[in-house]
Amino acid sequence: AILQIWGEVHAILQGWGVPREEQGRLLEEWKTKQGGEHPHLLGSYMLDITVEVVKAADSTGAGGADDGSALITKTMDMIGSKGTGLWSVQEAMGAGVPAPSLAEAVLARQMSMCRPERLANAKVFRPTAEAPAYSAEELKEMTEDLFWSAALSIIASYAQMFQCLRALDKQFEFGLNLPATIATFRAGCILQGYLLSPMTKAFEKDPNLPSLMNAFDKELTQNFGRFKRCMANVLSKTNAAVPVMAASMNYILTMHSENVPSAQCVALQRDVFGRHGFKRLDKDGDFNAQWKELQ
């Protein structure tokens, strides 16, 4: 999911008309950028390799020419897969753990592999977008929004993973110790990065922390508005597809909601067509309402 998040960051910057060289400079700065109380919140191996990818020039060694052009623009937009992501999502869903960011990352790869279908569809309908024209000051604010969108998406993705591990531990009793598990990520794993430290401290302080997101309450409180604003901008003014970031935003919204109106609606819909019953907020038990025949 995190690789896809960084891919979406690149797509958004491209949609905003940010040149490749400027993208590389911006992402390079993000390696050490202060994020709230954190000295280099997004510093990580996956950000490092994203910077390299965005900056990379084509070459004869990459099958092209040493002409200084961008390698990324000549790369086929089809992502390979070994199946570990799909397996992880299947395990999460089987355990009843919502992991929308992880699931959307798998779906993004699968859609990328449907290139012939995409090319055929694009001949029939191609979404339009405004030509980007932003002032330096506007872009500065927009990229700050994007920084926090990436950060909160990554935190939400980790939160989903840890909830899945907890559920599977209850089922299989493999003796989960989250601080020890996180420690393994530092030893040559692509997940290594600054965030591992505050995550470890959070679970050491409270092994029963309801969600990793609670350890970043200040960051959420101060910057979730930026996340929502960024997604609104991207969806309304660009053609950048951002499935994992959008799913992460919805995960944060839903998992911090005391009441989910859409769930109330669907619960009653199921009672209408299948007499599946529903629960009430004001009393215990299972209930069925009386509905008129609609078929």
Protein backbone atom coordinates (compact mmCIF):
# COMPACT_ATOMS: atom_id res chain seq x y z
CA ALA A 1 0.00 0.00 0.00
CA ILE A 2 2.80 2.43 0.85
CA LEU A 3 4.52 1.99 -2.52
CA GLN A 4 1.20 2.81 -4.18
CA ILE A 5 0.77 5.88 -1.95
CA TRP A 6 4.11 7.23 -3.17
CA GLY A 7 3.09 6.42 -6.73
CA GLU A 8 -0.08 8.43 -6.18
CA VAL A 9 1.95 11.35 -4.81
CA HIS A 10 3.88 11.37 -8.08
CA ALA A 11 0.64 11.20 -10.07
CA ILE A 12 -0.82 14.13 -8.14
CA LEU A 13 2.26 16.29 -8.62
CA GLN A 14 2.21 15.48 -12.32
CA GLY A 15 -1.48 16.37 -12.44
CA TRP A 16 -0.64 19.73 -10.86
CA GLY A 17 1.93 20.35 -13.57
CA VAL A 18 4.98 20.04 -11.30
CA PRO A 19 8.06 19.23 -13.46
CA ARG A 20 9.98 16.04 -12.76
CA GLU A 21 13.07 17.91 -11.51
CA GLU A 22 10.94 19.90 -9.06
CA GLN A 23 9.21 16.71 -7.92
CA GLY A 24 12.57 15.19 -7.12
CA ARG A 25 13.66 18.28 -5.20
CA LEU A 26 10.41 18.40 -3.22
CA LEU A 27 10.50 14.71 -2.30
CA GLU A 28 14.14 15.01 -1.35
CA GLU A 29 13.14 17.75 1.11
CA TRP A 30 10.42 15.53 2.53
CA LYS A 31 13.02 13.04 3.71
CA THR A 32 13.95 15.40 6.54
CA LYS A 33 10.83 17.58 6.70
CA GLN A 34 9.43 18.20 10.17
CA GLY A 35 5.97 16.74 10.60
CA GLY A 36 4.33 18.03 13.77
CA GLU A 37 6.46 16.79 16.65
CA HIS A 38 8.39 14.43 14.39
CA PRO A 39 11.77 15.59 12.98
CA HIS A 40 11.55 13.66 9.70
CA LEU A 41 8.12 12.08 9.67
CA LEU A 42 8.21 10.58 6.17
CA GLY A 43 11.90 9.65 6.07
CA SER A 44 11.95 6.05 4.83
CA TYR A 45 13.40 3.59 2.37
CA MET A 46 10.28 3.77 0.21
CA LEU A 47 10.53 7.55 -0.04
CA ASP A 48 14.24 7.16 -0.90
CA ILE A 49 13.50 4.87 -3.83
CA THR A 50 10.65 7.10 -4.98
CA VAL A 51 13.08 10.02 -5.21
CA GLU A 52 15.45 7.87 -7.25
CA VAL A 53 12.65 6.77 -9.58
CA VAL A 54 11.35 10.30 -10.18
CA LYS A 55 14.85 11.64 -10.84
CA ALA A 56 16.03 8.76 -13.03
CA ALA A 57 17.06 9.56 -16.59
CA ASP A 58 16.74 7.05 -19.40
CA SER A 59 19.90 5.19 -20.40
CA THR A 60 21.19 2.47 -22.65
CA GLY A 61 21.49 0.28 -19.56
CA ALA A 62 17.72 0.63 -19.06
CA GLY A 63 17.06 -0.30 -22.68
CA GLY A 64 16.76 3.26 -23.95
CA ALA A 65 19.12 6.08 -24.82
CA ASP A 66 21.50 8.31 -22.85
CA ASP A 67 19.55 11.40 -23.82
CA GLY A 68 18.62 12.79 -20.41
CA SER A 69 14.90 12.12 -20.84
CA ALA A 70 12.82 10.81 -17.97
CA LEU A 71 12.85 7.04 -17.55
CA ILE A 72 9.51 7.12 -15.74
CA THR A 73 7.66 8.48 -18.79
CA LYS A 74 8.97 5.58 -20.90
CA THR A 75 8.10 2.87 -18.40
CA MET A 76 5.16 0.58 -19.17
CA ASP A 77 2.34 1.29 -16.72
CA MET A 78 1.88 -2.35 -15.71
CA ILE A 79 2.82 -3.45 -12.19
CA GLY A 80 3.99 -6.99 -11.56
CA SER A 81 2.84 -8.95 -8.52
CA LYS A 82 4.12 -11.92 -6.54
CA GLY A 83 0.81 -12.47 -4.77
CA THR A 84 1.80 -11.47 -1.23
CA GLY A 85 -0.44 -8.41 -1.29
CA LEU A 86 -3.44 -10.43 -2.44
CA TRP A 87 -2.74 -13.06 0.22
CA SER A 88 -2.54 -10.38 2.91
CA VAL A 89 -5.87 -8.86 1.86
CA GLN A 90 -7.52 -12.27 1.73
CA GLU A 91 -6.33 -13.01 5.27
CA ALA A 92 -7.56 -9.63 6.49
CA MET A 93 -11.00 -10.09 4.94
CA GLY A 94 -11.22 -13.66 6.20
CA ALA A 95 -10.51 -12.40 9.71
CA GLY A 96 -13.15 -9.68 9.38
CA VAL A 97 -10.62 -6.85 9.56
CA PRO A 98 -11.24 -3.82 7.33
CA ALA A 99 -8.13 -3.12 5.31
CA PRO A 100 -9.32 -0.87 2.46
CA SER A 101 -5.94 0.75 1.80
CA LEU A 102 -4.29 -2.63 1.41
CA ALA A 103 -7.12 -3.91 -0.79
CA GLU A 104 -7.03 -0.86 -3.06
CA ALA A 105 -3.28 -1.27 -3.53
CA VAL A 106 -3.88 -4.78 -4.85
CA LEU A 107 -6.71 -3.58 -7.09
CA ALA A 108 -4.52 -0.77 -8.45
CA ARG A 109 -1.96 -3.35 -9.55
CA GLN A 110 -4.63 -5.50 -11.11
CA MET A 111 -6.08 -2.55 -13.04
CA SER A 112 -2.61 -1.61 -14.24
CA MET A 113 -2.29 -5.06 -15.79
CA CYS A 114 -5.45 -4.46 -17.85
CA ARG A 115 -3.62 -2.16 -20.25
CA PRO A 116 -5.27 -3.44 -23.47
CA GLU A 117 -8.70 -2.87 -21.96
CA ARG A 118 -7.68 0.57 -20.69
CA LEU A 119 -6.42 1.61 -24.11
CA ALA A 120 -9.64 0.45 -25.75
CA ASN A 121 -11.77 2.25 -23.18
CA ALA A 122 -9.78 5.48 -23.58
CA LYS A 123 -10.85 5.60 -27.24
CA VAL A 124 -14.47 5.80 -26.12
CA PHE A 125 -14.17 8.06 -23.08
CA ARG A 126 -11.21 10.01 -21.78
CA PRO A 127 -11.79 12.08 -18.62
CA THR A 128 -10.99 15.76 -19.00
CA ALA A 129 -9.15 17.96 -16.52
CA GLU A 130 -8.31 21.62 -16.26
CA ALA A 131 -4.91 22.74 -17.50
CA PRO A 132 -2.94 23.36 -14.28
CA ALA A 133 -2.07 26.97 -13.58
CA TYR A 134 -1.06 27.63 -9.99
CA SER A 135 1.00 30.36 -8.42
CA ALA A 136 4.10 29.51 -6.39
CA GLU A 137 2.20 30.35 -3.21
CA GLU A 138 -0.73 28.12 -4.16
CA LEU A 139 1.58 25.21 -4.95
CA LYS A 140 3.37 25.67 -1.63
CA GLU A 141 0.09 25.27 0.25
CA MET A 142 -1.05 22.41 -1.98
CA THR A 143 2.16 20.45 -1.49
CA GLU A 144 1.86 20.95 2.27
CA ASP A 145 -1.60 19.42 2.03
CA LEU A 146 -0.11 16.59 -0.03
CA PHE A 147 2.63 15.98 2.54
CA TRP A 148 0.03 15.38 5.23
CA SER A 149 -2.17 13.37 2.90
CA ALA A 150 0.72 10.98 2.30
CA ALA A 151 1.63 10.87 6.00
CA LEU A 152 -1.89 10.13 7.21
CA SER A 153 -2.44 7.58 4.43
CA ILE A 154 0.71 5.73 5.48
CA ILE A 155 -0.28 5.80 9.17
CA ALA A 156 -3.76 4.50 8.30
CA SER A 157 -2.24 1.71 6.21
CA TYR A 158 0.02 0.63 9.07
CA ALA A 159 -2.95 0.76 11.44
CA GLN A 160 -4.87 -1.65 9.19
CA MET A 161 -1.93 -4.04 9.03
CA PHE A 162 -1.52 -4.13 12.80
CA GLN A 163 -5.24 -4.69 13.34
CA CYS A 164 -5.03 -7.64 10.95
CA LEU A 165 -2.07 -9.11 12.83
CA ARG A 166 -3.96 -8.76 16.11
CA ALA A 167 -7.02 -10.55 14.73
CA LEU A 168 -4.93 -13.38 13.30
CA ASP A 169 -3.07 -13.71 16.61
CA LYS A 170 -6.39 -14.24 18.39
CA GLN A 171 -7.23 -16.94 15.87
CA PHE A 172 -3.88 -18.74 15.65
CA GLU A 173 -2.23 -17.71 18.93
CA PHE A 174 1.26 -17.10 17.53
CA GLY A 175 2.25 -14.85 20.43
CA LEU A 176 2.15 -11.47 18.73
CA ASN A 177 4.40 -8.81 20.22
CA LEU A 178 3.95 -5.68 18.13
CA PRO A 179 7.08 -3.81 19.31
CA ALA A 180 9.17 -6.90 18.52
CA THR A 181 7.41 -7.31 15.17
CA ILE A 182 8.08 -3.69 14.25
CA ALA A 183 11.74 -4.17 15.20
CA THR A 184 12.07 -6.78 12.44
CA PHE A 185 11.08 -4.12 9.90
CA ARG A 186 14.30 -2.24 10.60
CA ALA A 187 16.56 -5.08 9.49
CA GLY A 188 16.70 -4.82 5.71
CA CYS A 189 12.93 -4.57 5.18
CA ILE A 190 11.46 -2.11 2.71
CA LEU A 191 9.24 -0.82 5.55
CA GLN A 192 12.21 0.68 7.41
CA GLY A 193 11.78 4.36 8.18
CA TYR A 194 11.34 6.97 10.88
CA LEU A 195 7.72 6.04 11.67
CA LEU A 196 8.81 2.69 13.09
CA SER A 197 10.20 4.46 16.17
CA PRO A 198 7.03 6.27 17.33
CA MET A 199 4.97 3.20 16.42
CA THR A 200 7.16 1.01 18.64
CA LYS A 201 6.93 3.48 21.51
CA ALA A 202 3.16 3.66 21.17
CA PHE A 203 2.67 -0.09 21.55
CA GLU A 204 5.28 -0.31 24.31
CA LYS A 205 3.39 2.35 26.24
CA ASP A 206 0.00 0.73 25.63
CA PRO A 207 -0.05 -2.81 24.19
CA ASN A 208 -3.86 -2.57 24.07
CA LEU A 209 -3.94 0.66 22.07
CA PRO A 210 -7.26 0.46 20.17
CA SER A 211 -5.60 1.60 16.95
CA LEU A 212 -2.22 2.91 15.88
CA MET A 213 -4.04 6.01 14.67
CA ASN A 214 -4.68 6.98 18.30
CA ALA A 215 -0.93 7.43 18.79
CA PHE A 216 -1.01 10.15 16.11
CA ASP A 217 -4.06 12.00 17.41
CA LYS A 218 -2.35 15.39 17.27
CA GLU A 219 -1.31 14.88 13.66
CA LEU A 220 -4.83 13.78 12.74
CA THR A 221 -6.52 16.62 14.59
CA GLN A 222 -4.30 19.30 13.10
CA ASN A 223 -4.00 18.00 9.54
CA PHE A 224 -6.97 15.83 8.55
CA GLY A 225 -8.58 18.93 7.09
CA ARG A 226 -5.56 19.26 4.79
CA PHE A 227 -6.04 15.65 3.72
CA LYS A 228 -9.68 16.24 2.80
CA ARG A 229 -8.84 19.47 0.97
CA CYS A 230 -6.09 17.75 -1.00
CA MET A 231 -8.37 14.91 -2.09
CA ALA A 232 -11.07 17.40 -3.12
CA ASN A 233 -8.53 19.28 -5.24
CA VAL A 234 -7.13 16.13 -6.86
CA LEU A 235 -10.52 14.63 -7.69
CA SER A 236 -12.00 17.86 -9.04
CA LYS A 237 -9.02 19.32 -10.91
CA THR A 238 -6.84 16.42 -12.10
CA ASN A 239 -7.15 12.97 -13.62
CA ALA A 240 -4.83 11.41 -11.06
CA ALA A 241 -6.23 8.13 -9.77
CA VAL A 242 -5.63 7.94 -6.02
CA PRO A 243 -7.33 4.74 -4.81
CA VAL A 244 -5.18 4.09 -1.75
CA MET A 245 -5.12 7.67 -0.51
CA ALA A 246 -8.89 7.98 -0.97
CA ALA A 247 -9.44 4.66 0.79
CA SER A 248 -7.18 5.79 3.63
CA MET A 249 -9.15 8.99 4.05
CA ASN A 250 -12.42 7.06 4.16
CA TYR A 251 -10.91 4.59 6.64
CA ILE A 252 -9.95 7.44 8.97
CA LEU A 253 -13.38 9.02 8.60
CA THR A 254 -15.29 5.80 9.23
CA MET A 255 -13.12 4.43 12.03
CA HIS A 256 -13.43 7.69 13.96
CA SER A 257 -17.21 7.95 13.53
CA GLU A 258 -19.59 7.32 16.41
CA ASN A 259 -22.37 6.83 13.89
CA VAL A 260 -22.25 5.67 10.25
CA PRO A 261 -25.47 6.74 8.46
CA SER A 262 -24.77 4.60 5.38
CA ALA A 263 -24.48 1.52 7.61
CA GLN A 264 -27.83 2.29 9.22
CA CYS A 265 -29.39 2.53 5.77
CA VAL A 266 -27.88 -0.72 4.49
CA ALA A 267 -28.82 -2.57 7.70
CA LEU A 268 -32.48 -1.75 7.03
CA GLN A 269 -32.17 -2.47 3.30
CA ARG A 270 -31.05 -6.00 4.19
CA ASP A 271 -34.08 -6.39 6.43
CA VAL A 272 -36.37 -5.31 3.59
CA PHE A 273 -35.15 -7.76 0.97
CA GLY A 274 -33.91 -10.65 3.09
CA ARG A 275 -35.46 -10.30 6.55
CA HIS A 276 -31.91 -10.33 7.92
CA GLY A 277 -32.90 -8.29 10.94
CA PHE A 278 -31.14 -5.36 12.55
CA LYS A 279 -30.06 -4.11 15.95
CA ARG A 280 -31.19 -0.92 17.64
CA LEU A 281 -29.23 1.81 19.40
CA ASP A 282 -31.84 2.25 22.12
CA LYS A 283 -32.33 -1.36 23.26
CA ASP A 284 -30.70 -4.80 23.08
CA GLY A 285 -31.82 -7.62 20.82
CA ASP A 286 -32.47 -8.37 17.17
CA PHE A 287 -35.42 -6.84 15.37
CA ASN A 288 -37.38 -6.99 12.13
CA ALA A 289 -39.58 -4.19 10.83
CA GLN A 290 -42.77 -4.60 8.83
CA TRP A 291 -42.16 -3.67 5.18
CA LYS A 292 -44.56 -3.52 2.25
CA GLU A 293 -43.95 -5.88 -0.64
CA LEU A 294 -41.88 -4.18 -3.36
CA GLN A 295 -41.64 -6.99 -5.90
